[in-house]
Amino acid sequence: KTFADASALFNGMEEPFFLYVPLNAPHAPFTYPPSSTVYNSYYNQNHVQAKVAGGICDTTDVAASSRWVNYSAMVENIDYCLSSFLSSIDSARKDRTIFIFHGDNGQEDTPLNNMSSWCSATLGSNNLGATYNKLLYPEEYAALSATKGGNNNTAERFKSSVYERGVQIPLIVSANFMASAGVAGTSSFAFVNVEDDYNTIAEIARASYGTVGENQENFTDGISF
């Protein structure tokens, strides 16, 4: 419904416009989305609601809930709904619009730990691989273990912290002019924060900072990226 409402607004709002679409998922409570919006058949067959409905387990079987299954399905649901949204909006308006997609905070450790345990037990693999093992088990990596504030291998070093695992989020920017500017399909390791969105949008829109109504320089703490 959120994306359906957003599509109607996008197609009907007077230009220029700013449309903010906040999403709750993926976030607790980890409720399984409609199976038609999930690509992975394993998720559709093995989430706790399906197992309860099929008599495979009861609601007290915590192990069957596999929190990471619901979490991963919610991620796929976002991908499905975002794709549907982009396909439903007016193509001419789409070509004139800048899309910025990002999260608001880093990962919580529980889904990653659940997924890592499942990979080890079911697939016989080395957890989730080296990249994710560095996030889950930093005490095994000397370069990450000596962090300011003590032990880095705690839940407090994930979401709600200013450590790397607490601030890493996806950031995707798409606009029709990016191809002509030679930056389409590129990536960057630059440090960017949500405050930088304001300055970036203002620069692209050629907005004068003096008209924003704030006296402080650049009117935010951000820097245009």
C-alpha atoms as a PDB file:
ATOM      1  CA  LYS A   1       0.000   0.000   0.000  1.00  0.00           C
ATOM      2  CA  THR A   2       2.859   2.391   0.763  1.00  0.00           C
ATOM      3  CA  PHE A   3       4.242   2.081  -2.759  1.00  0.00           C
ATOM      4  CA  ALA A   4       0.757   2.196  -4.313  1.00  0.00           C
ATOM      5  CA  ASP A   5       0.093   5.480  -2.526  1.00  0.00           C
ATOM      6  CA  ALA A   6       3.522   6.751  -3.539  1.00  0.00           C
ATOM      7  CA  SER A   7       2.839   5.869  -7.184  1.00  0.00           C
ATOM      8  CA  ALA A   8      -0.430   7.811  -7.186  1.00  0.00           C
ATOM      9  CA  LEU A   9       1.259  10.835  -5.613  1.00  0.00           C
ATOM     10  CA  PHE A  10       4.219  10.649  -7.975  1.00  0.00           C
ATOM     11  CA  ASN A  11       2.006  10.641 -11.053  1.00  0.00           C
ATOM     12  CA  GLY A  12      -0.298  13.408  -9.816  1.00  0.00           C
ATOM     13  CA  MET A  13       1.801  15.923  -7.882  1.00  0.00           C
ATOM     14  CA  GLU A  14       2.597  19.321  -9.353  1.00  0.00           C
ATOM     15  CA  GLU A  15       6.216  19.650 -10.415  1.00  0.00           C
ATOM     16  CA  PRO A  16       8.720  20.262  -8.992  1.00  0.00           C
ATOM     17  CA  PHE A  17       8.015  18.013  -6.019  1.00  0.00           C
ATOM     18  CA  PHE A  18       9.747  16.136  -3.220  1.00  0.00           C
ATOM     19  CA  LEU A  19       8.338  12.726  -2.303  1.00  0.00           C
ATOM     20  CA  TYR A  20       9.573  10.931   0.818  1.00  0.00           C
ATOM     21  CA  VAL A  21       8.598   7.256   1.114  1.00  0.00           C
ATOM     22  CA  PRO A  22       9.580   5.818   4.540  1.00  0.00           C
ATOM     23  CA  LEU A  23       9.473   2.032   4.904  1.00  0.00           C
ATOM     24  CA  ASN A  24       9.246   0.009   8.100  1.00  0.00           C
ATOM     25  CA  ALA A  25      10.628  -3.201   6.620  1.00  0.00           C
ATOM     26  CA  PRO A  26      12.931  -4.937   7.062  1.00  0.00           C
ATOM     27  CA  HIS A  27      12.363  -4.335  10.756  1.00  0.00           C
ATOM     28  CA  ALA A  28      10.797  -5.957  13.779  1.00  0.00           C
ATOM     29  CA  PRO A  29       8.244  -7.409  14.034  1.00  0.00           C
ATOM     30  CA  PHE A  30       9.645  -9.845  11.452  1.00  0.00           C
ATOM     31  CA  THR A  31       6.330 -10.839   9.877  1.00  0.00           C
ATOM     32  CA  TYR A  32       6.478 -12.810   6.658  1.00  0.00           C
ATOM     33  CA  PRO A  33       5.300 -10.791   3.619  1.00  0.00           C
ATOM     34  CA  PRO A  34       2.879 -12.148   0.973  1.00  0.00           C
ATOM     35  CA  SER A  35       4.583 -15.089  -0.733  1.00  0.00           C
ATOM     36  CA  SER A  36       3.810 -13.633  -4.173  1.00  0.00           C
ATOM     37  CA  THR A  37       6.255 -10.807  -3.416  1.00  0.00           C
ATOM     38  CA  VAL A  38       9.127 -13.154  -2.446  1.00  0.00           C
ATOM     39  CA  TYR A  39      11.352 -14.700  -5.122  1.00  0.00           C
ATOM     40  CA  ASN A  40      13.047 -17.435  -3.089  1.00  0.00           C
ATOM     41  CA  SER A  41      10.938 -20.617  -2.871  1.00  0.00           C
ATOM     42  CA  TYR A  42      12.917 -21.822   0.161  1.00  0.00           C
ATOM     43  CA  TYR A  43      11.737 -18.839   2.167  1.00  0.00           C
ATOM     44  CA  ASN A  44       8.124 -19.413   1.135  1.00  0.00           C
ATOM     45  CA  GLN A  45       8.272 -23.038   2.276  1.00  0.00           C
ATOM     46  CA  ASN A  46      10.266 -22.668   5.495  1.00  0.00           C
ATOM     47  CA  HIS A  47       9.083 -19.610   7.384  1.00  0.00           C
ATOM     48  CA  VAL A  48       7.345 -20.228  10.688  1.00  0.00           C
ATOM     49  CA  GLN A  49       3.841 -19.330   9.531  1.00  0.00           C
ATOM     50  CA  ALA A  50       4.026 -21.918   6.737  1.00  0.00           C
ATOM     51  CA  LYS A  51       5.314 -24.586   9.120  1.00  0.00           C
ATOM     52  CA  VAL A  52       2.607 -23.884  11.673  1.00  0.00           C
ATOM     53  CA  ALA A  53      -0.090 -23.937   8.989  1.00  0.00           C
ATOM     54  CA  GLY A  54       1.264 -27.235   7.650  1.00  0.00           C
ATOM     55  CA  GLY A  55       1.368 -28.848  11.069  1.00  0.00           C
ATOM     56  CA  ILE A  56       5.160 -29.185  10.931  1.00  0.00           C
ATOM     57  CA  CYS A  57       5.617 -27.267  14.167  1.00  0.00           C
ATOM     58  CA  ASP A  58       3.627 -25.293  16.681  1.00  0.00           C
ATOM     59  CA  THR A  59       4.060 -21.670  17.642  1.00  0.00           C
ATOM     60  CA  THR A  60       6.290 -22.591  20.586  1.00  0.00           C
ATOM     61  CA  ASP A  61       8.981 -24.011  18.304  1.00  0.00           C
ATOM     62  CA  VAL A  62      11.367 -21.075  18.291  1.00  0.00           C
ATOM     63  CA  ALA A  63      13.963 -22.840  16.148  1.00  0.00           C
ATOM     64  CA  ALA A  64      11.464 -23.242  13.318  1.00  0.00           C
ATOM     65  CA  SER A  65      10.814 -19.517  13.161  1.00  0.00           C
ATOM     66  CA  SER A  66      14.280 -18.956  11.648  1.00  0.00           C
ATOM     67  CA  ARG A  67      14.158 -15.226  12.076  1.00  0.00           C
ATOM     68  CA  TRP A  68      16.597 -14.740   9.232  1.00  0.00           C
ATOM     69  CA  VAL A  69      14.159 -16.379   6.790  1.00  0.00           C
ATOM     70  CA  ASN A  70      11.520 -13.751   7.546  1.00  0.00           C
ATOM     71  CA  TYR A  71      14.143 -11.007   7.502  1.00  0.00           C
ATOM     72  CA  SER A  72      15.536 -12.088   4.117  1.00  0.00           C
ATOM     73  CA  ALA A  73      12.026 -12.403   2.683  1.00  0.00           C
ATOM     74  CA  MET A  74      11.259  -8.866   3.823  1.00  0.00           C
ATOM     75  CA  VAL A  75      14.336  -7.645   1.936  1.00  0.00           C
ATOM     76  CA  GLU A  76      13.120  -9.410  -1.215  1.00  0.00           C
ATOM     77  CA  ASN A  77       9.668  -7.902  -0.665  1.00  0.00           C
ATOM     78  CA  ILE A  78      11.178  -4.412  -0.675  1.00  0.00           C
ATOM     79  CA  ASP A  79      12.966  -5.206  -3.927  1.00  0.00           C
ATOM     80  CA  TYR A  80       9.734  -6.500  -5.473  1.00  0.00           C
ATOM     81  CA  CYS A  81       7.648  -3.520  -4.345  1.00  0.00           C
ATOM     82  CA  LEU A  82      10.267  -0.959  -5.393  1.00  0.00           C
ATOM     83  CA  SER A  83      10.472  -2.583  -8.824  1.00  0.00           C
ATOM     84  CA  SER A  84       6.686  -2.477  -9.129  1.00  0.00           C
ATOM     85  CA  PHE A  85       6.689   1.184  -8.131  1.00  0.00           C
ATOM     86  CA  LEU A  86       9.310   2.138 -10.716  1.00  0.00           C
ATOM     87  CA  SER A  87       7.360   0.245 -13.371  1.00  0.00           C
ATOM     88  CA  SER A  88       4.080   1.952 -12.515  1.00  0.00           C
ATOM     89  CA  ILE A  89       5.118   5.607 -12.571  1.00  0.00           C
ATOM     90  CA  ASP A  90       4.929   7.930 -15.538  1.00  0.00           C
ATOM     91  CA  SER A  91       8.022   7.365 -17.693  1.00  0.00           C
ATOM     92  CA  ALA A  92       8.437  11.029 -18.659  1.00  0.00           C
ATOM     93  CA  ARG A  93       8.310  12.119 -15.025  1.00  0.00           C
ATOM     94  CA  LYS A  94      10.657   9.290 -14.121  1.00  0.00           C
ATOM     95  CA  ASP A  95      13.245  10.669 -16.550  1.00  0.00           C
ATOM     96  CA  ARG A  96      13.030  14.046 -14.784  1.00  0.00           C
ATOM     97  CA  THR A  97      13.339  12.643 -11.256  1.00  0.00           C
ATOM     98  CA  ILE A  98      16.254  11.909  -8.948  1.00  0.00           C
ATOM     99  CA  PHE A  99      15.792   8.756  -6.858  1.00  0.00           C
ATOM    100  CA  ILE A 100      17.744   8.303  -3.621  1.00  0.00           C
ATOM    101  CA  PHE A 101      17.410   4.998  -1.764  1.00  0.00           C
ATOM    102  CA  HIS A 102      19.112   4.289   1.557  1.00  0.00           C
ATOM    103  CA  GLY A 103      18.653   2.780   4.991  1.00  0.00           C
ATOM    104  CA  ASP A 104      18.610   4.655   8.263  1.00  0.00           C
ATOM    105  CA  ASN A 105      20.967   2.570  10.411  1.00  0.00           C
ATOM    106  CA  GLY A 106      23.273  -0.405  10.327  1.00  0.00           C
ATOM    107  CA  GLN A 107      22.524  -4.066  10.794  1.00  0.00           C
ATOM    108  CA  GLU A 108      21.275  -5.750  13.934  1.00  0.00           C
ATOM    109  CA  ASP A 109      23.391  -8.805  14.708  1.00  0.00           C
ATOM    110  CA  THR A 110      20.615 -11.379  15.309  1.00  0.00           C
ATOM    111  CA  PRO A 111      19.532 -12.074  11.671  1.00  0.00           C
ATOM    112  CA  LEU A 112      23.166 -12.339  10.591  1.00  0.00           C
ATOM    113  CA  ASN A 113      23.965 -14.758  13.402  1.00  0.00           C
ATOM    114  CA  ASN A 114      20.881 -16.846  12.590  1.00  0.00           C
ATOM    115  CA  MET A 115      21.804 -16.984   8.909  1.00  0.00           C
ATOM    116  CA  SER A 116      25.424 -17.812   9.702  1.00  0.00           C
ATOM    117  CA  SER A 117      24.392 -20.718  11.940  1.00  0.00           C
ATOM    118  CA  TRP A 118      22.035 -22.047   9.253  1.00  0.00           C
ATOM    119  CA  CYS A 119      24.742 -21.934   6.577  1.00  0.00           C
ATOM    120  CA  SER A 120      27.168 -23.831   8.788  1.00  0.00           C
ATOM    121  CA  ALA A 121      24.648 -26.501   9.845  1.00  0.00           C
ATOM    122  CA  THR A 122      22.785 -26.966   6.562  1.00  0.00           C
ATOM    123  CA  LEU A 123      25.288 -26.166   3.833  1.00  0.00           C
ATOM    124  CA  GLY A 124      28.450 -27.166   5.635  1.00  0.00           C
ATOM    125  CA  SER A 125      29.973 -23.864   4.636  1.00  0.00           C
ATOM    126  CA  ASN A 126      32.279 -21.634   6.638  1.00  0.00           C
ATOM    127  CA  ASN A 127      29.473 -19.502   8.009  1.00  0.00           C
ATOM    128  CA  LEU A 128      28.653 -16.657   5.604  1.00  0.00           C
ATOM    129  CA  GLY A 129      32.156 -16.274   4.240  1.00  0.00           C
ATOM    130  CA  ALA A 130      35.066 -13.982   5.032  1.00  0.00           C
ATOM    131  CA  THR A 131      33.283 -10.687   4.407  1.00  0.00           C
ATOM    132  CA  TYR A 132      30.469 -11.342   6.871  1.00  0.00           C
ATOM    133  CA  ASN A 133      32.664 -13.246   9.309  1.00  0.00           C
ATOM    134  CA  LYS A 134      34.613 -10.038   9.832  1.00  0.00           C
ATOM    135  CA  LEU A 135      31.372  -8.379  10.920  1.00  0.00           C
ATOM    136  CA  LEU A 136      30.226 -11.204  13.184  1.00  0.00           C
ATOM    137  CA  TYR A 137      33.542 -12.365  14.624  1.00  0.00           C
ATOM    138  CA  PRO A 138      35.914  -9.383  14.642  1.00  0.00           C
ATOM    139  CA  GLU A 139      37.909 -10.796  17.555  1.00  0.00           C
ATOM    140  CA  GLU A 140      39.425 -13.174  14.977  1.00  0.00           C
ATOM    141  CA  TYR A 141      40.732 -10.223  12.977  1.00  0.00           C
ATOM    142  CA  ALA A 142      43.483  -8.257  14.678  1.00  0.00           C
ATOM    143  CA  ALA A 143      42.853  -5.105  12.690  1.00  0.00           C
ATOM    144  CA  LEU A 144      39.277  -4.906  13.944  1.00  0.00           C
ATOM    145  CA  SER A 145      39.628  -6.147  17.508  1.00  0.00           C
ATOM    146  CA  ALA A 146      41.580  -3.192  18.911  1.00  0.00           C
ATOM    147  CA  THR A 147      38.760  -0.671  18.698  1.00  0.00           C
ATOM    148  CA  LYS A 148      38.186   2.331  20.885  1.00  0.00           C
ATOM    149  CA  GLY A 149      35.783   1.423  23.649  1.00  0.00           C
ATOM    150  CA  GLY A 150      36.934  -2.145  24.235  1.00  0.00           C
ATOM    151  CA  ASN A 151      35.639  -5.421  22.857  1.00  0.00           C
ATOM    152  CA  ASN A 152      34.225  -5.025  19.369  1.00  0.00           C
ATOM    153  CA  ASN A 153      32.421  -8.359  19.367  1.00  0.00           C
ATOM    154  CA  THR A 154      29.198  -7.260  21.044  1.00  0.00           C
ATOM    155  CA  ALA A 155      25.686  -6.424  19.907  1.00  0.00           C
ATOM    156  CA  GLU A 156      26.298  -2.823  20.968  1.00  0.00           C
ATOM    157  CA  ARG A 157      28.779  -2.503  18.105  1.00  0.00           C
ATOM    158  CA  PHE A 158      26.011  -3.103  15.560  1.00  0.00           C
ATOM    159  CA  LYS A 159      22.806  -1.069  15.274  1.00  0.00           C
ATOM    160  CA  SER A 160      22.632   2.105  17.376  1.00  0.00           C
ATOM    161  CA  SER A 161      26.412   2.460  17.510  1.00  0.00           C
ATOM    162  CA  VAL A 162      28.816   4.667  15.572  1.00  0.00           C
ATOM    163  CA  TYR A 163      31.040   1.700  14.815  1.00  0.00           C
ATOM    164  CA  GLU A 164      31.323   0.520  11.219  1.00  0.00           C
ATOM    165  CA  ARG A 165      28.616  -2.114  11.578  1.00  0.00           C
ATOM    166  CA  GLY A 166      26.253   0.460  13.040  1.00  0.00           C
ATOM    167  CA  VAL A 167      26.552   3.007  10.238  1.00  0.00           C
ATOM    168  CA  GLN A 168      26.996   0.941   7.079  1.00  0.00           C
ATOM    169  CA  ILE A 169      23.811   1.222   5.029  1.00  0.00           C
ATOM    170  CA  PRO A 170      22.898   0.866   1.355  1.00  0.00           C
ATOM    171  CA  LEU A 171      22.900   4.104  -0.658  1.00  0.00           C
ATOM    172  CA  ILE A 172      21.752   4.106  -4.284  1.00  0.00           C
ATOM    173  CA  VAL A 173      21.218   7.215  -6.394  1.00  0.00           C
ATOM    174  CA  SER A 174      19.593   7.060  -9.822  1.00  0.00           C
ATOM    175  CA  ALA A 175      18.860   9.867 -12.264  1.00  0.00           C
ATOM    176  CA  ASN A 176      18.571  10.177 -16.026  1.00  0.00           C
ATOM    177  CA  PHE A 177      21.395  12.718 -16.247  1.00  0.00           C
ATOM    178  CA  MET A 178      23.934  10.428 -14.548  1.00  0.00           C
ATOM    179  CA  ALA A 179      24.774   8.669 -17.819  1.00  0.00           C
ATOM    180  CA  SER A 180      25.666  11.917 -19.603  1.00  0.00           C
ATOM    181  CA  ALA A 181      27.676  12.959 -16.550  1.00  0.00           C
ATOM    182  CA  GLY A 182      29.690   9.762 -16.829  1.00  0.00           C
ATOM    183  CA  VAL A 183      28.819   8.456 -13.359  1.00  0.00           C
ATOM    184  CA  ALA A 184      26.101   5.915 -14.174  1.00  0.00           C
ATOM    185  CA  GLY A 185      26.917   2.459 -12.784  1.00  0.00           C
ATOM    186  CA  THR A 186      29.791   3.734 -10.649  1.00  0.00           C
ATOM    187  CA  SER A 187      30.374   3.294  -6.926  1.00  0.00           C
ATOM    188  CA  SER A 188      32.318   5.130  -4.255  1.00  0.00           C
ATOM    189  CA  PHE A 189      33.858   4.433  -0.866  1.00  0.00           C
ATOM    190  CA  ALA A 190      33.363   8.028   0.251  1.00  0.00           C
ATOM    191  CA  PHE A 191      31.868   8.670   3.677  1.00  0.00           C
ATOM    192  CA  VAL A 192      28.288   9.865   3.198  1.00  0.00           C
ATOM    193  CA  ASN A 193      25.561  10.489   5.768  1.00  0.00           C
ATOM    194  CA  VAL A 194      21.849  11.212   5.499  1.00  0.00           C
ATOM    195  CA  GLU A 195      22.476  14.901   6.234  1.00  0.00           C
ATOM    196  CA  ASP A 196      24.328  15.058   2.919  1.00  0.00           C
ATOM    197  CA  ASP A 197      21.075  14.352   1.041  1.00  0.00           C
ATOM    198  CA  TYR A 198      19.805  17.880   1.661  1.00  0.00           C
ATOM    199  CA  ASN A 199      22.869  19.595   0.276  1.00  0.00           C
ATOM    200  CA  THR A 200      23.066  17.240  -2.693  1.00  0.00           C
ATOM    201  CA  ILE A 201      19.441  17.802  -3.665  1.00  0.00           C
ATOM    202  CA  ALA A 202      19.831  21.559  -3.204  1.00  0.00           C
ATOM    203  CA  GLU A 203      22.892  21.634  -5.458  1.00  0.00           C
ATOM    204  CA  ILE A 204      21.222  19.586  -8.202  1.00  0.00           C
ATOM    205  CA  ALA A 205      18.121  21.800  -7.995  1.00  0.00           C
ATOM    206  CA  ARG A 206      20.355  24.898  -8.074  1.00  0.00           C
ATOM    207  CA  ALA A 207      18.643  26.117  -4.919  1.00  0.00           C
ATOM    208  CA  SER A 208      20.006  29.205  -3.215  1.00  0.00           C
ATOM    209  CA  TYR A 209      20.917  28.519   0.387  1.00  0.00           C
ATOM    210  CA  GLY A 210      19.832  32.046   1.212  1.00  0.00           C
ATOM    211  CA  THR A 211      16.205  31.193   0.451  1.00  0.00           C
ATOM    212  CA  VAL A 212      16.018  28.288   2.876  1.00  0.00           C
ATOM    213  CA  GLY A 213      15.395  30.485   5.902  1.00  0.00           C
ATOM    214  CA  GLU A 214      18.368  29.425   8.000  1.00  0.00           C
ATOM    215  CA  ASN A 215      21.318  31.609   8.914  1.00  0.00           C
ATOM    216  CA  GLN A 216      23.943  28.931   9.418  1.00  0.00           C
ATOM    217  CA  GLU A 217      26.350  28.241   6.585  1.00  0.00           C
ATOM    218  CA  ASN A 218      24.947  25.709   4.077  1.00  0.00           C
ATOM    219  CA  PHE A 219      21.877  25.438   6.377  1.00  0.00           C
ATOM    220  CA  THR A 220      22.775  21.829   7.362  1.00  0.00           C
ATOM    221  CA  ASP A 221      25.742  19.862   8.642  1.00  0.00           C
ATOM    222  CA  GLY A 222      25.848  18.007   5.330  1.00  0.00           C
ATOM    223  CA  ILE A 223      28.088  18.227   2.270  1.00  0.00           C
ATOM    224  CA  SER A 224      26.836  17.660  -1.267  1.00  0.00           C
ATOM    225  CA  PHE A 225      28.060  14.362  -2.615  1.00  0.00           C
END
